[in-house]
């Protein structure tokens, strides 16, 4: 692997430049159309496969959608900083393939992790709908308190409802409302869209760290120099820890990790199947 990289000058290579432009246009279009009642995020963000809003093309389109200016800026800044170097080394075609493979890999891992999280909830909701009980409802609420709160439900009111039912467990007056709540909770959980180029960008970051492991980078916070390989390892470890400890978070940590994993194996595959890597 090279320990230094060739400067691409002041020009941004075509694929990196066009990716940045398209992402910026899509955010502008989102802001323009949402007040008119057309949510691009609903149509183009990646939804859980069992969601009523899911379409297969979303595995691609979600990479061009962002949740706001800050989200877009940091992703595109990282793409500009590291992507232009990789594109200058690999060429436009190979870089574009790498970008999409890591983005799709990130989406695949994120969807799998969502399945591991949502599948037990769907099973619990199905079982509860068949045989509603105060104990099952109270257990469900206690287990999913953080998610219930994050999705905007009145958590104290739901806890009070569960407590009142536990005090009078033979009453059937609570059943209809509790079933409706749990089905709504599941539906909202499946309908949360995932947007952003972060998975592909983390793949690009991984690629830079593998090609130029000893290149010195300057962190913003804290402002200290660090070699690219250590920064990549630190980011990967951080995403793994956050992904395991912050389940249900609005940040798709396993998507970031997925981009890095797929990027790693793709570079290893290219190294074995080509005489000249770049």
C-alpha atoms as a PDB file:
ATOM      1  CA  UNK A   1       0.000   0.000   0.000  1.00  0.00           C
ATOM      2  CA  UNK A   2       1.170   3.515  -0.712  1.00  0.00           C
ATOM      3  CA  UNK A   3       2.085   5.753   2.205  1.00  0.00           C
ATOM      4  CA  UNK A   4       1.580   8.991   0.300  1.00  0.00           C
ATOM      5  CA  UNK A   5      -0.851  10.044  -2.377  1.00  0.00           C
ATOM      6  CA  UNK A   6      -0.722  11.985  -5.594  1.00  0.00           C
ATOM      7  CA  UNK A   7      -2.365  15.347  -5.478  1.00  0.00           C
ATOM      8  CA  UNK A   8      -5.271  15.844  -7.818  1.00  0.00           C
ATOM      9  CA  UNK A   9      -4.606  19.572  -7.926  1.00  0.00           C
ATOM     10  CA  UNK A  10      -7.367  22.067  -7.406  1.00  0.00           C
ATOM     11  CA  UNK A  11      -9.837  20.284  -9.679  1.00  0.00           C
ATOM     12  CA  UNK A  12     -12.403  17.885  -8.258  1.00  0.00           C
ATOM     13  CA  UNK A  13     -12.533  14.625 -10.273  1.00  0.00           C
ATOM     14  CA  UNK A  14     -15.807  14.131 -12.209  1.00  0.00           C
ATOM     15  CA  UNK A  15     -17.457  11.354 -10.164  1.00  0.00           C
ATOM     16  CA  UNK A  16     -16.757  13.025  -6.817  1.00  0.00           C
ATOM     17  CA  UNK A  17     -17.932  16.374  -8.169  1.00  0.00           C
ATOM     18  CA  UNK A  18     -21.143  14.973  -9.643  1.00  0.00           C
ATOM     19  CA  UNK A  19     -21.959  12.997  -6.503  1.00  0.00           C
ATOM     20  CA  UNK A  20     -21.659  16.170  -4.443  1.00  0.00           C
ATOM     21  CA  UNK A  21     -23.803  18.125  -6.915  1.00  0.00           C
ATOM     22  CA  UNK A  22     -26.534  15.469  -7.052  1.00  0.00           C
ATOM     23  CA  UNK A  23     -26.693  15.218  -3.252  1.00  0.00           C
ATOM     24  CA  UNK A  24     -26.967  18.996  -2.943  1.00  0.00           C
ATOM     25  CA  UNK A  25     -29.709  19.144  -5.601  1.00  0.00           C
ATOM     26  CA  UNK A  26     -31.702  16.401  -3.843  1.00  0.00           C
ATOM     27  CA  UNK A  27     -31.621  18.245  -0.521  1.00  0.00           C
ATOM     28  CA  UNK A  28     -32.722  21.457  -2.249  1.00  0.00           C
ATOM     29  CA  UNK A  29     -35.538  19.553  -3.976  1.00  0.00           C
ATOM     30  CA  UNK A  30     -36.579  18.064  -0.620  1.00  0.00           C
ATOM     31  CA  UNK A  31     -36.844  21.527   0.936  1.00  0.00           C
ATOM     32  CA  UNK A  32     -38.695  22.834  -2.119  1.00  0.00           C
ATOM     33  CA  UNK A  33     -41.275  20.051  -2.422  1.00  0.00           C
ATOM     34  CA  UNK A  34     -42.079  19.176   1.198  1.00  0.00           C
ATOM     35  CA  UNK A  35     -44.079  22.391   1.821  1.00  0.00           C
ATOM     36  CA  UNK A  36     -46.135  21.404  -1.235  1.00  0.00           C
ATOM     37  CA  UNK A  37     -47.015  18.051   0.373  1.00  0.00           C
ATOM     38  CA  UNK A  38     -44.561  15.877  -1.556  1.00  0.00           C
ATOM     39  CA  UNK A  39     -42.113  14.079   0.733  1.00  0.00           C
ATOM     40  CA  UNK A  40     -39.114  12.872  -1.233  1.00  0.00           C
ATOM     41  CA  UNK A  41     -37.829  11.222   1.931  1.00  0.00           C
ATOM     42  CA  UNK A  42     -40.886   8.984   2.029  1.00  0.00           C
ATOM     43  CA  UNK A  43     -40.410   7.891  -1.566  1.00  0.00           C
ATOM     44  CA  UNK A  44     -36.612   7.815  -1.795  1.00  0.00           C
ATOM     45  CA  UNK A  45     -35.453   7.089   1.770  1.00  0.00           C
ATOM     46  CA  UNK A  46     -34.728   3.467   2.605  1.00  0.00           C
ATOM     47  CA  UNK A  47     -37.616   1.825   4.490  1.00  0.00           C
ATOM     48  CA  UNK A  48     -37.825  -1.521   6.195  1.00  0.00           C
ATOM     49  CA  UNK A  49     -38.824  -4.186   3.606  1.00  0.00           C
ATOM     50  CA  UNK A  50     -42.173  -4.858   5.329  1.00  0.00           C
ATOM     51  CA  UNK A  51     -43.045  -1.168   5.431  1.00  0.00           C
ATOM     52  CA  UNK A  52     -45.899   0.006   3.242  1.00  0.00           C
ATOM     53  CA  UNK A  53     -43.508   2.631   1.827  1.00  0.00           C
ATOM     54  CA  UNK A  54     -40.709   0.255   0.855  1.00  0.00           C
ATOM     55  CA  UNK A  55     -39.495   0.045  -2.737  1.00  0.00           C
ATOM     56  CA  UNK A  56     -36.427  -1.860  -3.863  1.00  0.00           C
ATOM     57  CA  UNK A  57     -34.941   1.164  -5.615  1.00  0.00           C
ATOM     58  CA  UNK A  58     -34.590   2.843  -2.226  1.00  0.00           C
ATOM     59  CA  UNK A  59     -31.385   0.872  -1.641  1.00  0.00           C
ATOM     60  CA  UNK A  60     -29.877   3.248  -4.224  1.00  0.00           C
ATOM     61  CA  UNK A  61     -31.864   6.450  -3.801  1.00  0.00           C
ATOM     62  CA  UNK A  62     -31.426   6.752  -0.034  1.00  0.00           C
ATOM     63  CA  UNK A  63     -27.727   7.488  -0.655  1.00  0.00           C
ATOM     64  CA  UNK A  64     -28.672  10.791  -2.284  1.00  0.00           C
ATOM     65  CA  UNK A  65     -31.052  11.962   0.439  1.00  0.00           C
ATOM     66  CA  UNK A  66     -30.064  13.821   3.617  1.00  0.00           C
ATOM     67  CA  UNK A  67     -31.748  14.978   6.787  1.00  0.00           C
ATOM     68  CA  UNK A  68     -30.544  18.573   6.632  1.00  0.00           C
ATOM     69  CA  UNK A  69     -27.740  20.969   5.750  1.00  0.00           C
ATOM     70  CA  UNK A  70     -25.432  19.750   8.530  1.00  0.00           C
ATOM     71  CA  UNK A  71     -25.903  16.101   7.582  1.00  0.00           C
ATOM     72  CA  UNK A  72     -25.199  16.924   3.930  1.00  0.00           C
ATOM     73  CA  UNK A  73     -22.215  19.161   4.673  1.00  0.00           C
ATOM     74  CA  UNK A  74     -20.241  16.673   6.750  1.00  0.00           C
ATOM     75  CA  UNK A  75     -20.881  13.813   4.334  1.00  0.00           C
ATOM     76  CA  UNK A  76     -19.953  15.863   1.275  1.00  0.00           C
ATOM     77  CA  UNK A  77     -16.939  17.418   2.985  1.00  0.00           C
ATOM     78  CA  UNK A  78     -15.587  13.938   3.755  1.00  0.00           C
ATOM     79  CA  UNK A  79     -16.398  12.788   0.211  1.00  0.00           C
ATOM     80  CA  UNK A  80     -14.552  15.788  -1.201  1.00  0.00           C
ATOM     81  CA  UNK A  81     -11.564  15.326   1.091  1.00  0.00           C
ATOM     82  CA  UNK A  82     -11.038  11.582   0.627  1.00  0.00           C
ATOM     83  CA  UNK A  83     -13.069  10.690  -2.462  1.00  0.00           C
ATOM     84  CA  UNK A  84     -11.169  12.970  -4.828  1.00  0.00           C
ATOM     85  CA  UNK A  85      -7.923  11.274  -3.785  1.00  0.00           C
ATOM     86  CA  UNK A  86      -9.269   7.762  -4.331  1.00  0.00           C
ATOM     87  CA  UNK A  87     -10.805   8.736  -7.665  1.00  0.00           C
ATOM     88  CA  UNK A  88      -7.509  10.252  -8.805  1.00  0.00           C
ATOM     89  CA  UNK A  89      -5.765   6.999  -7.883  1.00  0.00           C
ATOM     90  CA  UNK A  90      -8.328   4.476  -9.110  1.00  0.00           C
ATOM     91  CA  UNK A  91      -9.980   6.367 -11.918  1.00  0.00           C
ATOM     92  CA  UNK A  92     -13.681   7.308 -12.195  1.00  0.00           C
ATOM     93  CA  UNK A  93     -15.062   3.856 -13.048  1.00  0.00           C
ATOM     94  CA  UNK A  94     -13.435   1.934 -10.220  1.00  0.00           C
ATOM     95  CA  UNK A  95     -14.153   4.674  -7.704  1.00  0.00           C
ATOM     96  CA  UNK A  96     -17.841   4.797  -8.682  1.00  0.00           C
ATOM     97  CA  UNK A  97     -18.120   1.006  -8.361  1.00  0.00           C
ATOM     98  CA  UNK A  98     -16.462   1.161  -4.941  1.00  0.00           C
ATOM     99  CA  UNK A  99     -18.762   3.979  -3.809  1.00  0.00           C
ATOM    100  CA  UNK A 100     -21.956   2.150  -4.738  1.00  0.00           C
ATOM    101  CA  UNK A 101     -20.827  -1.241  -3.454  1.00  0.00           C
ATOM    102  CA  UNK A 102     -19.984   0.225  -0.048  1.00  0.00           C
ATOM    103  CA  UNK A 103     -23.239   2.195   0.001  1.00  0.00           C
ATOM    104  CA  UNK A 104     -25.276  -0.902  -0.858  1.00  0.00           C
ATOM    105  CA  UNK A 105     -23.324  -2.973   1.650  1.00  0.00           C
ATOM    106  CA  UNK A 106     -24.047  -0.398   4.317  1.00  0.00           C
ATOM    107  CA  UNK A 107     -27.763  -0.527   3.489  1.00  0.00           C
ATOM    108  CA  UNK A 108     -27.754  -4.341   3.564  1.00  0.00           C
ATOM    109  CA  UNK A 109     -26.159  -4.532   7.018  1.00  0.00           C
ATOM    110  CA  UNK A 110     -28.421  -1.777   8.338  1.00  0.00           C
ATOM    111  CA  UNK A 111     -31.507  -3.612   7.039  1.00  0.00           C
ATOM    112  CA  UNK A 112     -30.324  -6.863   8.631  1.00  0.00           C
ATOM    113  CA  UNK A 113     -29.783  -5.165  11.994  1.00  0.00           C
ATOM    114  CA  UNK A 114     -33.224  -3.583  11.683  1.00  0.00           C
ATOM    115  CA  UNK A 115     -34.637  -7.049  11.079  1.00  0.00           C
ATOM    116  CA  UNK A 116     -33.011  -8.334  14.269  1.00  0.00           C
ATOM    117  CA  UNK A 117     -34.595  -5.441  16.165  1.00  0.00           C
ATOM    118  CA  UNK A 118     -38.023  -5.313  14.530  1.00  0.00           C
ATOM    119  CA  UNK A 119     -38.708  -9.030  14.120  1.00  0.00           C
ATOM    120  CA  UNK A 120     -39.109  -9.695  17.891  1.00  0.00           C
ATOM    121  CA  UNK A 121     -41.353  -6.632  18.162  1.00  0.00           C
ATOM    122  CA  UNK A 122     -43.537  -7.882  15.301  1.00  0.00           C
ATOM    123  CA  UNK A 123     -43.758 -11.296  16.964  1.00  0.00           C
ATOM    124  CA  UNK A 124     -44.698  -9.717  20.301  1.00  0.00           C
ATOM    125  CA  UNK A 125     -47.380  -7.548  18.683  1.00  0.00           C
ATOM    126  CA  UNK A 126     -48.841 -10.551  16.848  1.00  0.00           C
ATOM    127  CA  UNK A 127     -48.917 -12.658  20.000  1.00  0.00           C
ATOM    128  CA  UNK A 128     -50.446  -9.837  22.010  1.00  0.00           C
ATOM    129  CA  UNK A 129     -53.131  -9.157  19.405  1.00  0.00           C
ATOM    130  CA  UNK A 130     -54.250 -12.800  19.700  1.00  0.00           C
ATOM    131  CA  UNK A 131     -54.276 -12.871  23.517  1.00  0.00           C
ATOM    132  CA  UNK A 132     -54.140  -9.373  25.038  1.00  0.00           C
ATOM    133  CA  UNK A 133     -53.215  -9.207  28.708  1.00  0.00           C
ATOM    134  CA  UNK A 134     -52.113  -6.578  31.212  1.00  0.00           C
ATOM    135  CA  UNK A 135     -48.867  -8.397  31.956  1.00  0.00           C
ATOM    136  CA  UNK A 136     -47.842  -8.663  28.312  1.00  0.00           C
ATOM    137  CA  UNK A 137     -48.653  -5.026  27.649  1.00  0.00           C
ATOM    138  CA  UNK A 138     -46.759  -3.805  30.700  1.00  0.00           C
ATOM    139  CA  UNK A 139     -43.746  -5.921  29.757  1.00  0.00           C
ATOM    140  CA  UNK A 140     -43.798  -4.557  26.200  1.00  0.00           C
ATOM    141  CA  UNK A 141     -43.951  -0.946  27.414  1.00  0.00           C
ATOM    142  CA  UNK A 142     -41.128  -1.422  29.916  1.00  0.00           C
ATOM    143  CA  UNK A 143     -38.898  -3.065  27.303  1.00  0.00           C
ATOM    144  CA  UNK A 144     -39.461  -0.369  24.664  1.00  0.00           C
ATOM    145  CA  UNK A 145     -39.640   2.798  26.757  1.00  0.00           C
ATOM    146  CA  UNK A 146     -36.832   4.636  24.975  1.00  0.00           C
ATOM    147  CA  UNK A 147     -38.227   3.854  21.513  1.00  0.00           C
ATOM    148  CA  UNK A 148     -41.755   4.816  22.574  1.00  0.00           C
ATOM    149  CA  UNK A 149     -40.484   8.180  23.786  1.00  0.00           C
ATOM    150  CA  UNK A 150     -38.303   8.803  20.717  1.00  0.00           C
ATOM    151  CA  UNK A 151     -41.255   8.193  18.392  1.00  0.00           C
ATOM    152  CA  UNK A 152     -43.272  10.918  20.077  1.00  0.00           C
ATOM    153  CA  UNK A 153     -45.719   8.889  22.143  1.00  0.00           C
ATOM    154  CA  UNK A 154     -46.821  10.143  25.560  1.00  0.00           C
ATOM    155  CA  UNK A 155     -44.719   7.711  27.586  1.00  0.00           C
ATOM    156  CA  UNK A 156     -45.986   8.740  31.051  1.00  0.00           C
ATOM    157  CA  UNK A 157     -49.565   8.384  29.831  1.00  0.00           C
ATOM    158  CA  UNK A 158     -48.880   4.934  28.385  1.00  0.00           C
ATOM    159  CA  UNK A 159     -47.191   3.838  31.632  1.00  0.00           C
ATOM    160  CA  UNK A 160     -50.207   5.083  33.595  1.00  0.00           C
ATOM    161  CA  UNK A 161     -52.471   3.152  31.224  1.00  0.00           C
ATOM    162  CA  UNK A 162     -50.432  -0.034  31.734  1.00  0.00           C
ATOM    163  CA  UNK A 163     -50.455   0.450  35.509  1.00  0.00           C
ATOM    164  CA  UNK A 164     -54.228   0.973  35.565  1.00  0.00           C
ATOM    165  CA  UNK A 165     -54.709  -2.233  33.576  1.00  0.00           C
ATOM    166  CA  UNK A 166     -52.424  -4.159  35.923  1.00  0.00           C
ATOM    167  CA  UNK A 167     -54.584  -2.958  38.828  1.00  0.00           C
ATOM    168  CA  UNK A 168     -57.650  -4.349  37.068  1.00  0.00           C
ATOM    169  CA  UNK A 169     -56.298  -7.197  34.887  1.00  0.00           C
ATOM    170  CA  UNK A 170     -59.638  -8.897  34.236  1.00  0.00           C
ATOM    171  CA  UNK A 171     -61.134  -5.825  32.565  1.00  0.00           C
ATOM    172  CA  UNK A 172     -61.532  -6.073  28.802  1.00  0.00           C
ATOM    173  CA  UNK A 173     -61.959  -2.330  28.326  1.00  0.00           C
ATOM    174  CA  UNK A 174     -58.230  -1.846  27.871  1.00  0.00           C
ATOM    175  CA  UNK A 175     -57.732  -4.433  25.157  1.00  0.00           C
ATOM    176  CA  UNK A 176     -58.771  -2.497  22.059  1.00  0.00           C
ATOM    177  CA  UNK A 177     -56.718   0.589  22.879  1.00  0.00           C
ATOM    178  CA  UNK A 178     -53.633  -1.437  23.809  1.00  0.00           C
ATOM    179  CA  UNK A 179     -53.757  -3.505  20.593  1.00  0.00           C
ATOM    180  CA  UNK A 180     -54.158  -0.330  18.521  1.00  0.00           C
ATOM    181  CA  UNK A 181     -51.174   1.274  20.249  1.00  0.00           C
ATOM    182  CA  UNK A 182     -48.882  -1.723  19.727  1.00  0.00           C
ATOM    183  CA  UNK A 183     -49.823  -2.035  16.060  1.00  0.00           C
ATOM    184  CA  UNK A 184     -49.246   1.694  15.575  1.00  0.00           C
ATOM    185  CA  UNK A 185     -45.882   1.433  17.326  1.00  0.00           C
ATOM    186  CA  UNK A 186     -44.806  -1.410  15.020  1.00  0.00           C
ATOM    187  CA  UNK A 187     -46.010   0.437  11.928  1.00  0.00           C
ATOM    188  CA  UNK A 188     -44.129   3.603  12.887  1.00  0.00           C
ATOM    189  CA  UNK A 189     -41.010   1.575  13.651  1.00  0.00           C
ATOM    190  CA  UNK A 190     -41.082  -0.013  10.189  1.00  0.00           C
ATOM    191  CA  UNK A 191     -41.838   3.304   8.484  1.00  0.00           C
ATOM    192  CA  UNK A 192     -38.758   5.154   9.768  1.00  0.00           C
ATOM    193  CA  UNK A 193     -36.713   6.042   6.661  1.00  0.00           C
ATOM    194  CA  UNK A 194     -32.933   5.881   6.474  1.00  0.00           C
ATOM    195  CA  UNK A 195     -31.230   8.594   4.441  1.00  0.00           C
ATOM    196  CA  UNK A 196     -27.705   9.707   3.724  1.00  0.00           C
ATOM    197  CA  UNK A 197     -24.488   8.856   1.943  1.00  0.00           C
ATOM    198  CA  UNK A 198     -22.758   8.056   5.230  1.00  0.00           C
ATOM    199  CA  UNK A 199     -22.356   4.328   4.522  1.00  0.00           C
ATOM    200  CA  UNK A 200     -20.577   4.976   1.226  1.00  0.00           C
ATOM    201  CA  UNK A 201     -18.573   7.833   2.751  1.00  0.00           C
ATOM    202  CA  UNK A 202     -17.344   5.579   5.558  1.00  0.00           C
ATOM    203  CA  UNK A 203     -16.333   3.112   2.859  1.00  0.00           C
ATOM    204  CA  UNK A 204     -14.361   5.889   1.151  1.00  0.00           C
ATOM    205  CA  UNK A 205     -12.735   6.758   4.483  1.00  0.00           C
ATOM    206  CA  UNK A 206     -11.771   3.098   4.935  1.00  0.00           C
ATOM    207  CA  UNK A 207     -10.352   3.006   1.416  1.00  0.00           C
ATOM    208  CA  UNK A 208      -8.216   6.063   2.062  1.00  0.00           C
ATOM    209  CA  UNK A 209      -6.923   4.568   5.300  1.00  0.00           C
ATOM    210  CA  UNK A 210      -5.968   1.323   3.566  1.00  0.00           C
ATOM    211  CA  UNK A 211      -4.199   2.995   0.632  1.00  0.00           C
ATOM    212  CA  UNK A 212      -2.486   5.716   2.647  1.00  0.00           C
ATOM    213  CA  UNK A 213      -2.246   4.341   6.185  1.00  0.00           C
ATOM    214  CA  UNK A 214       0.594   6.596   7.348  1.00  0.00           C
ATOM    215  CA  UNK A 215      -0.736   9.866   5.963  1.00  0.00           C
ATOM    216  CA  UNK A 216      -1.027  12.421   8.752  1.00  0.00           C
ATOM    217  CA  UNK A 217      -4.490  13.935   9.178  1.00  0.00           C
ATOM    218  CA  UNK A 218      -5.492  16.771  11.472  1.00  0.00           C
ATOM    219  CA  UNK A 219      -8.590  16.212  13.575  1.00  0.00           C
ATOM    220  CA  UNK A 220     -10.959  19.080  14.246  1.00  0.00           C
ATOM    221  CA  UNK A 221     -11.953  17.933  17.742  1.00  0.00           C
ATOM    222  CA  UNK A 222      -9.466  17.669  19.337  1.00  0.00           C
ATOM    223  CA  UNK A 223      -7.063  19.480  16.957  1.00  0.00           C
ATOM    224  CA  UNK A 224      -4.331  16.844  16.979  1.00  0.00           C
ATOM    225  CA  UNK A 225      -2.537  15.004  14.146  1.00  0.00           C
ATOM    226  CA  UNK A 226      -3.297  11.317  13.633  1.00  0.00           C
ATOM    227  CA  UNK A 227      -2.293   8.754  11.038  1.00  0.00           C
ATOM    228  CA  UNK A 228      -5.076   7.704   8.676  1.00  0.00           C
ATOM    229  CA  UNK A 229      -4.934   4.053   9.732  1.00  0.00           C
ATOM    230  CA  UNK A 230      -5.494   4.894  13.410  1.00  0.00           C
ATOM    231  CA  UNK A 231      -8.342   7.246  12.581  1.00  0.00           C
ATOM    232  CA  UNK A 232     -10.073   4.555  10.516  1.00  0.00           C
ATOM    233  CA  UNK A 233      -9.651   1.983  13.294  1.00  0.00           C
ATOM    234  CA  UNK A 234     -10.950   4.467  15.869  1.00  0.00           C
ATOM    235  CA  UNK A 235     -14.004   5.334  13.755  1.00  0.00           C
ATOM    236  CA  UNK A 236     -14.771   1.676  13.146  1.00  0.00           C
ATOM    237  CA  UNK A 237     -14.468   0.799  16.846  1.00  0.00           C
ATOM    238  CA  UNK A 238     -16.597   3.791  17.825  1.00  0.00           C
ATOM    239  CA  UNK A 239     -19.369   2.875  15.382  1.00  0.00           C
ATOM    240  CA  UNK A 240     -19.387  -0.710  16.692  1.00  0.00           C
ATOM    241  CA  UNK A 241     -19.641   0.426  20.321  1.00  0.00           C
ATOM    242  CA  UNK A 242     -22.347   2.990  19.548  1.00  0.00           C
ATOM    243  CA  UNK A 243     -24.267   0.529  17.401  1.00  0.00           C
ATOM    244  CA  UNK A 244     -24.344  -2.050  20.192  1.00  0.00           C
ATOM    245  CA  UNK A 245     -25.054   0.407  23.017  1.00  0.00           C
ATOM    246  CA  UNK A 246     -27.490   2.786  21.310  1.00  0.00           C
ATOM    247  CA  UNK A 247     -30.050   0.493  19.696  1.00  0.00           C
ATOM    248  CA  UNK A 248     -32.981   2.440  18.285  1.00  0.00           C
ATOM    249  CA  UNK A 249     -30.810   5.506  17.731  1.00  0.00           C
ATOM    250  CA  UNK A 250     -31.624   7.876  14.871  1.00  0.00           C
ATOM    251  CA  UNK A 251     -28.047   7.410  13.634  1.00  0.00           C
ATOM    252  CA  UNK A 252     -27.473   4.281  11.554  1.00  0.00           C
ATOM    253  CA  UNK A 253     -24.202   3.198  13.172  1.00  0.00           C
ATOM    254  CA  UNK A 254     -24.263  -0.262  11.599  1.00  0.00           C
ATOM    255  CA  UNK A 255     -24.705   1.307   8.161  1.00  0.00           C
ATOM    256  CA  UNK A 256     -21.454   3.198   8.739  1.00  0.00           C
ATOM    257  CA  UNK A 257     -19.796   0.005   9.868  1.00  0.00           C
ATOM    258  CA  UNK A 258     -21.253  -1.870   6.885  1.00  0.00           C
ATOM    259  CA  UNK A 259     -19.703   0.601   4.457  1.00  0.00           C
ATOM    260  CA  UNK A 260     -16.306   0.048   6.052  1.00  0.00           C
ATOM    261  CA  UNK A 261     -16.655  -3.754   6.082  1.00  0.00           C
ATOM    262  CA  UNK A 262     -17.670  -3.991   2.433  1.00  0.00           C
ATOM    263  CA  UNK A 263     -14.947  -1.518   1.483  1.00  0.00           C
ATOM    264  CA  UNK A 264     -12.336  -3.616   3.267  1.00  0.00           C
ATOM    265  CA  UNK A 265     -13.288  -6.845   1.522  1.00  0.00           C
ATOM    266  CA  UNK A 266     -13.603  -5.159  -1.859  1.00  0.00           C
ATOM    267  CA  UNK A 267     -10.091  -3.723  -1.640  1.00  0.00           C
ATOM    268  CA  UNK A 268      -8.748  -7.102  -0.515  1.00  0.00           C
ATOM    269  CA  UNK A 269     -10.499  -8.738  -3.476  1.00  0.00           C
ATOM    270  CA  UNK A 270      -9.081  -6.189  -5.911  1.00  0.00           C
ATOM    271  CA  UNK A 271      -5.591  -6.724  -4.492  1.00  0.00           C
ATOM    272  CA  UNK A 272      -5.833 -10.461  -5.188  1.00  0.00           C
ATOM    273  CA  UNK A 273      -7.368 -10.266  -8.653  1.00  0.00           C
ATOM    274  CA  UNK A 274      -5.397  -7.444 -10.258  1.00  0.00           C
ATOM    275  CA  UNK A 275      -1.660  -7.116 -10.858  1.00  0.00           C
ATOM    276  CA  UNK A 276      -1.771  -3.355 -10.515  1.00  0.00           C
ATOM    277  CA  UNK A 277      -4.118  -2.060  -7.846  1.00  0.00           C
ATOM    278  CA  UNK A 278      -4.062   1.500  -9.223  1.00  0.00           C
END
